[in-house]
């Protein structure tokens, strides 16, 4: 699906595209397509809490859930894992620097 979406949008090369997802299968799809991948931990499906719930849950439980989500993303090969899309700008800046240095997502 990632490659087909890129084809339909006429976006290339795949190594210059970033796949942001909150599921391990989404990260795997991005990796398989040759994209950079970013997993969303705290605000994503693996933690599974609304913003209001994250404010109410015990801090230790929240840390455990976030750590488990991060581990799951790294286990399937995520290049980066961030807590929410609010953290995405710094990752995109880093990817831009890596691309400028001729580094790709398979490096």
N, C-alpha and C. Protein backbone atom coordinates (compact mmCIF):
# COMPACT_ATOMS: atom_id res chain seq x y z
N UNK A 1 0.81 -1.19 0.00
CA UNK A 1 0.00 0.00 0.00
C UNK A 1 0.87 1.26 0.00
N UNK A 2 1.98 1.24 0.72
CA UNK A 2 2.85 2.43 0.76
C UNK A 2 3.38 2.77 -0.62
N UNK A 3 3.83 1.76 -1.34
CA UNK A 3 4.38 1.99 -2.68
C UNK A 3 3.28 2.48 -3.62
N UNK A 4 2.12 1.88 -3.53
CA UNK A 4 1.00 2.29 -4.38
C UNK A 4 0.59 3.74 -4.08
N UNK A 5 0.55 4.09 -2.82
CA UNK A 5 0.22 5.48 -2.47
C UNK A 5 1.26 6.45 -3.03
N UNK A 6 2.53 6.10 -2.91
CA UNK A 6 3.58 6.96 -3.46
C UNK A 6 3.45 7.07 -4.97
N UNK A 7 3.14 5.96 -5.63
CA UNK A 7 2.97 5.97 -7.09
C UNK A 7 1.82 6.89 -7.48
N UNK A 8 0.69 6.75 -6.78
CA UNK A 8 -0.49 7.58 -7.11
C UNK A 8 -0.24 9.06 -6.86
N UNK A 9 0.57 9.36 -5.86
CA UNK A 9 0.88 10.76 -5.55
C UNK A 9 2.08 11.27 -6.36
N UNK A 10 2.71 10.36 -7.11
CA UNK A 10 3.90 10.69 -7.89
C UNK A 10 5.00 11.25 -7.00
N UNK A 11 5.22 10.59 -5.87
CA UNK A 11 6.23 10.98 -4.90
C UNK A 11 7.33 9.93 -4.92
N UNK A 12 8.55 10.37 -5.03
CA UNK A 12 9.69 9.46 -5.06
C UNK A 12 10.94 10.25 -4.71
N UNK A 13 12.03 9.62 -4.38
CA UNK A 13 12.21 8.19 -4.17
C UNK A 13 11.63 7.75 -2.83
N UNK A 14 11.40 6.47 -2.69
CA UNK A 14 10.83 5.94 -1.45
C UNK A 14 11.71 6.28 -0.25
N UNK A 15 13.01 6.34 -0.47
CA UNK A 15 13.95 6.62 0.62
C UNK A 15 13.85 8.04 1.15
N UNK A 16 13.05 8.89 0.49
CA UNK A 16 12.86 10.26 0.95
C UNK A 16 11.48 10.47 1.56
N UNK A 17 10.76 9.36 1.77
CA UNK A 17 9.41 9.43 2.34
C UNK A 17 9.45 8.93 3.77
N UNK A 18 8.66 9.55 4.64
CA UNK A 18 8.59 9.17 6.05
C UNK A 18 7.22 8.58 6.33
N UNK A 19 7.20 7.38 6.88
CA UNK A 19 5.96 6.70 7.28
C UNK A 19 5.83 6.86 8.79
N UNK A 20 4.79 7.57 9.22
CA UNK A 20 4.52 7.76 10.64
C UNK A 20 3.30 6.91 10.97
N UNK A 21 3.43 6.06 11.99
CA UNK A 21 2.33 5.14 12.30
C UNK A 21 2.34 4.81 13.78
N UNK A 22 1.18 4.39 14.27
CA UNK A 22 1.09 4.01 15.68
C UNK A 22 0.83 2.52 15.86
N UNK A 23 1.16 1.73 14.83
CA UNK A 23 1.05 0.27 14.93
C UNK A 23 2.31 -0.37 14.38
N UNK A 24 2.74 -1.48 14.96
CA UNK A 24 3.91 -2.18 14.42
C UNK A 24 3.73 -2.61 12.97
N UNK A 25 2.54 -3.04 12.58
CA UNK A 25 2.32 -3.46 11.20
C UNK A 25 2.51 -2.28 10.24
N UNK A 26 2.14 -1.09 10.65
CA UNK A 26 2.36 0.09 9.84
C UNK A 26 3.83 0.41 9.67
N UNK A 27 4.58 0.22 10.75
CA UNK A 27 6.03 0.43 10.68
C UNK A 27 6.66 -0.62 9.76
N UNK A 28 6.23 -1.86 9.87
CA UNK A 28 6.75 -2.90 8.99
C UNK A 28 6.45 -2.57 7.53
N UNK A 29 5.26 -2.06 7.25
CA UNK A 29 4.90 -1.70 5.88
C UNK A 29 5.83 -0.61 5.35
N UNK A 30 6.10 0.38 6.17
CA UNK A 30 7.02 1.44 5.75
C UNK A 30 8.42 0.93 5.52
N UNK A 31 8.90 0.08 6.41
CA UNK A 31 10.25 -0.50 6.24
C UNK A 31 10.31 -1.31 4.96
N UNK A 32 9.30 -2.14 4.74
CA UNK A 32 9.28 -2.98 3.55
C UNK A 32 9.23 -2.16 2.26
N UNK A 33 8.66 -0.98 2.32
CA UNK A 33 8.57 -0.10 1.15
C UNK A 33 9.83 0.74 0.96
N UNK A 34 10.75 0.68 1.91
CA UNK A 34 11.99 1.45 1.79
C UNK A 34 11.89 2.87 2.30
N UNK A 35 10.95 3.11 3.22
CA UNK A 35 10.74 4.45 3.77
C UNK A 35 11.41 4.58 5.14
N UNK A 36 11.62 5.81 5.56
CA UNK A 36 11.96 6.08 6.95
C UNK A 36 10.70 5.81 7.77
N UNK A 37 10.85 5.32 8.99
CA UNK A 37 9.68 5.00 9.81
C UNK A 37 9.77 5.64 11.18
N UNK A 38 8.61 6.12 11.64
CA UNK A 38 8.51 6.76 12.95
C UNK A 38 7.30 6.17 13.67
N UNK A 39 7.54 5.53 14.79
CA UNK A 39 6.46 4.99 15.61
C UNK A 39 5.98 6.03 16.61
N UNK A 40 4.68 6.05 16.84
CA UNK A 40 4.08 6.97 17.82
C UNK A 40 3.72 6.15 19.05
N UNK A 41 4.36 6.42 20.16
CA UNK A 41 4.16 5.58 21.35
C UNK A 41 3.05 6.10 22.27
N UNK A 42 3.30 7.13 23.02
CA UNK A 42 2.40 7.55 24.09
C UNK A 42 1.00 7.89 23.61
N UNK A 43 0.87 8.59 22.49
CA UNK A 43 -0.46 8.99 22.04
C UNK A 43 -1.03 8.02 21.00
N UNK A 44 -0.40 6.87 20.84
CA UNK A 44 -0.83 5.92 19.82
C UNK A 44 -1.64 4.75 20.33
N UNK A 45 -1.96 3.87 19.41
CA UNK A 45 -2.80 2.71 19.70
C UNK A 45 -2.20 1.74 20.71
N UNK A 46 -0.88 1.59 20.73
CA UNK A 46 -0.30 0.60 21.64
C UNK A 46 -0.46 0.98 23.10
N UNK A 47 -0.41 2.25 23.41
CA UNK A 47 -0.68 2.68 24.79
C UNK A 47 -2.19 2.68 25.00
N UNK A 48 -2.92 3.12 24.01
CA UNK A 48 -4.38 2.97 24.01
C UNK A 48 -5.15 3.83 24.99
N UNK A 49 -4.62 4.99 25.32
CA UNK A 49 -5.30 5.88 26.26
C UNK A 49 -5.62 7.20 25.59
N UNK A 50 -6.75 7.78 25.96
CA UNK A 50 -7.05 9.13 25.52
C UNK A 50 -6.15 10.10 26.29
N UNK A 51 -6.12 11.36 25.83
CA UNK A 51 -5.32 12.35 26.54
C UNK A 51 -5.79 12.46 27.99
N UNK A 52 -7.10 12.46 28.18
CA UNK A 52 -7.64 12.58 29.53
C UNK A 52 -7.21 11.39 30.39
N UNK A 53 -7.22 10.19 29.82
CA UNK A 53 -6.80 9.01 30.57
C UNK A 53 -5.32 9.05 30.92
N UNK A 54 -4.49 9.60 30.03
CA UNK A 54 -3.05 9.70 30.36
C UNK A 54 -2.82 10.63 31.53
N UNK A 55 -3.72 11.58 31.74
CA UNK A 55 -3.59 12.49 32.87
C UNK A 55 -4.01 11.84 34.18
N UNK A 56 -4.82 10.77 34.09
CA UNK A 56 -5.36 10.15 35.29
C UNK A 56 -4.64 8.86 35.70
N UNK A 57 -3.98 8.21 34.77
CA UNK A 57 -3.34 6.93 35.06
C UNK A 57 -2.10 7.15 35.92
N UNK A 58 -1.77 6.17 36.73
CA UNK A 58 -0.56 6.23 37.56
C UNK A 58 0.66 6.44 36.67
N UNK A 59 1.58 7.27 37.10
CA UNK A 59 2.77 7.61 36.32
C UNK A 59 3.58 6.36 35.97
N UNK A 60 3.72 5.44 36.93
CA UNK A 60 4.50 4.22 36.68
C UNK A 60 3.84 3.36 35.61
N UNK A 61 2.52 3.25 35.65
CA UNK A 61 1.81 2.47 34.64
C UNK A 61 1.96 3.09 33.26
N UNK A 62 1.87 4.41 33.20
CA UNK A 62 2.02 5.10 31.92
C UNK A 62 3.42 4.89 31.37
N UNK A 63 4.43 5.00 32.21
CA UNK A 63 5.81 4.77 31.77
C UNK A 63 5.98 3.36 31.24
N UNK A 64 5.39 2.38 31.92
CA UNK A 64 5.47 0.98 31.47
C UNK A 64 4.80 0.80 30.11
N UNK A 65 3.63 1.39 29.93
CA UNK A 65 2.92 1.28 28.66
C UNK A 65 3.72 1.92 27.52
N UNK A 66 4.26 3.09 27.79
CA UNK A 66 5.04 3.79 26.76
C UNK A 66 6.30 2.99 26.43
N UNK A 67 6.97 2.48 27.45
CA UNK A 67 8.18 1.68 27.22
C UNK A 67 7.87 0.42 26.42
N UNK A 68 6.75 -0.22 26.70
CA UNK A 68 6.35 -1.42 25.94
C UNK A 68 6.06 -1.06 24.49
N UNK A 69 5.41 0.07 24.27
CA UNK A 69 5.13 0.52 22.90
C UNK A 69 6.43 0.81 22.16
N UNK A 70 7.34 1.51 22.81
CA UNK A 70 8.63 1.82 22.19
C UNK A 70 9.37 0.53 21.82
N UNK A 71 9.38 -0.42 22.73
CA UNK A 71 10.06 -1.69 22.47
C UNK A 71 9.44 -2.42 21.28
N UNK A 72 8.12 -2.40 21.19
CA UNK A 72 7.44 -3.06 20.08
C UNK A 72 7.81 -2.41 18.74
N UNK A 73 7.90 -1.08 18.72
CA UNK A 73 8.26 -0.39 17.48
C UNK A 73 9.71 -0.68 17.09
N UNK A 74 10.61 -0.61 18.05
CA UNK A 74 12.00 -0.89 17.74
C UNK A 74 12.20 -2.35 17.33
N UNK A 75 11.39 -3.25 17.88
CA UNK A 75 11.50 -4.67 17.54
C UNK A 75 11.18 -4.94 16.07
N UNK A 76 10.32 -4.11 15.47
CA UNK A 76 9.99 -4.29 14.05
C UNK A 76 10.81 -3.37 13.16
N UNK A 77 11.78 -2.66 13.74
CA UNK A 77 12.71 -1.89 12.94
C UNK A 77 12.44 -0.42 12.76
N UNK A 78 11.61 0.18 13.61
CA UNK A 78 11.36 1.62 13.50
C UNK A 78 12.68 2.39 13.57
N UNK A 79 12.83 3.37 12.72
CA UNK A 79 14.02 4.22 12.76
C UNK A 79 13.97 5.16 13.95
N UNK A 80 12.79 5.62 14.27
CA UNK A 80 12.57 6.55 15.37
C UNK A 80 11.28 6.16 16.09
N UNK A 81 11.21 6.49 17.37
CA UNK A 81 9.96 6.38 18.12
C UNK A 81 9.82 7.66 18.92
N UNK A 82 8.65 8.27 18.79
CA UNK A 82 8.35 9.51 19.51
C UNK A 82 7.04 9.33 20.26
N UNK A 83 6.82 10.17 21.26
CA UNK A 83 5.61 10.02 22.07
C UNK A 83 4.36 10.51 21.34
N UNK A 84 4.48 11.57 20.55
CA UNK A 84 3.33 12.08 19.81
C UNK A 84 3.82 12.82 18.57
N UNK A 85 2.89 13.15 17.69
CA UNK A 85 3.27 13.87 16.48
C UNK A 85 3.82 15.26 16.79
N UNK A 86 3.59 15.74 17.99
CA UNK A 86 4.16 17.03 18.40
C UNK A 86 5.69 16.98 18.39
N UNK A 87 6.25 15.78 18.47
CA UNK A 87 7.70 15.59 18.48
C UNK A 87 8.27 15.32 17.09
N UNK A 88 7.45 15.37 16.07
CA UNK A 88 7.86 14.95 14.73
C UNK A 88 8.85 15.90 14.06
N UNK A 89 8.76 17.18 14.32
CA UNK A 89 9.63 18.15 13.64
C UNK A 89 11.10 17.83 13.83
N UNK A 90 11.51 17.51 15.04
CA UNK A 90 12.93 17.22 15.28
C UNK A 90 13.37 15.97 14.52
N UNK A 91 12.49 14.99 14.40
CA UNK A 91 12.81 13.78 13.65
C UNK A 91 12.95 14.10 12.16
N UNK A 92 12.04 14.89 11.63
CA UNK A 92 12.13 15.26 10.22
C UNK A 92 13.41 16.05 9.94
N UNK A 93 13.79 16.91 10.86
CA UNK A 93 15.05 17.64 10.71
C UNK A 93 16.23 16.68 10.68
N UNK A 94 16.21 15.68 11.55
CA UNK A 94 17.30 14.70 11.59
C UNK A 94 17.34 13.88 10.30
N UNK A 95 16.18 13.46 9.83
CA UNK A 95 16.12 12.70 8.58
C UNK A 95 16.66 13.55 7.43
N UNK A 96 16.31 14.81 7.39
CA UNK A 96 16.80 15.70 6.34
C UNK A 96 18.32 15.78 6.36
N UNK A 97 18.90 15.87 7.54
CA UNK A 97 20.36 15.89 7.67
C UNK A 97 20.97 14.58 7.20
N UNK A 98 20.33 13.48 7.55
CA UNK A 98 20.83 12.16 7.14
C UNK A 98 20.74 12.00 5.63
N UNK A 99 19.66 12.47 5.01
CA UNK A 99 19.55 12.41 3.55
C UNK A 99 20.61 13.27 2.89
N UNK A 100 20.88 14.45 3.46
CA UNK A 100 21.91 15.33 2.90
C UNK A 100 23.29 14.68 2.97
N UNK A 101 23.47 13.80 3.94
CA UNK A 101 24.74 13.07 4.09
C UNK A 101 24.71 11.75 3.29
N UNK A 102 23.75 11.62 2.39
CA UNK A 102 23.59 10.44 1.52
C UNK A 102 23.29 9.17 2.30
N UNK A 103 22.65 9.33 3.45
CA UNK A 103 22.23 8.17 4.23
C UNK A 103 20.77 7.90 3.91
N UNK A 104 20.43 6.64 3.77
CA UNK A 104 19.04 6.26 3.50
C UNK A 104 18.46 5.42 4.62
N UNK A 105 17.20 5.11 4.52
CA UNK A 105 16.56 4.34 5.59
C UNK A 105 17.10 2.91 5.71
N UNK A 106 17.76 2.42 4.71
CA UNK A 106 18.34 1.08 4.79
C UNK A 106 19.77 1.08 5.29
N UNK A 107 20.31 2.27 5.57
CA UNK A 107 21.72 2.40 6.00
C UNK A 107 21.90 1.95 7.43
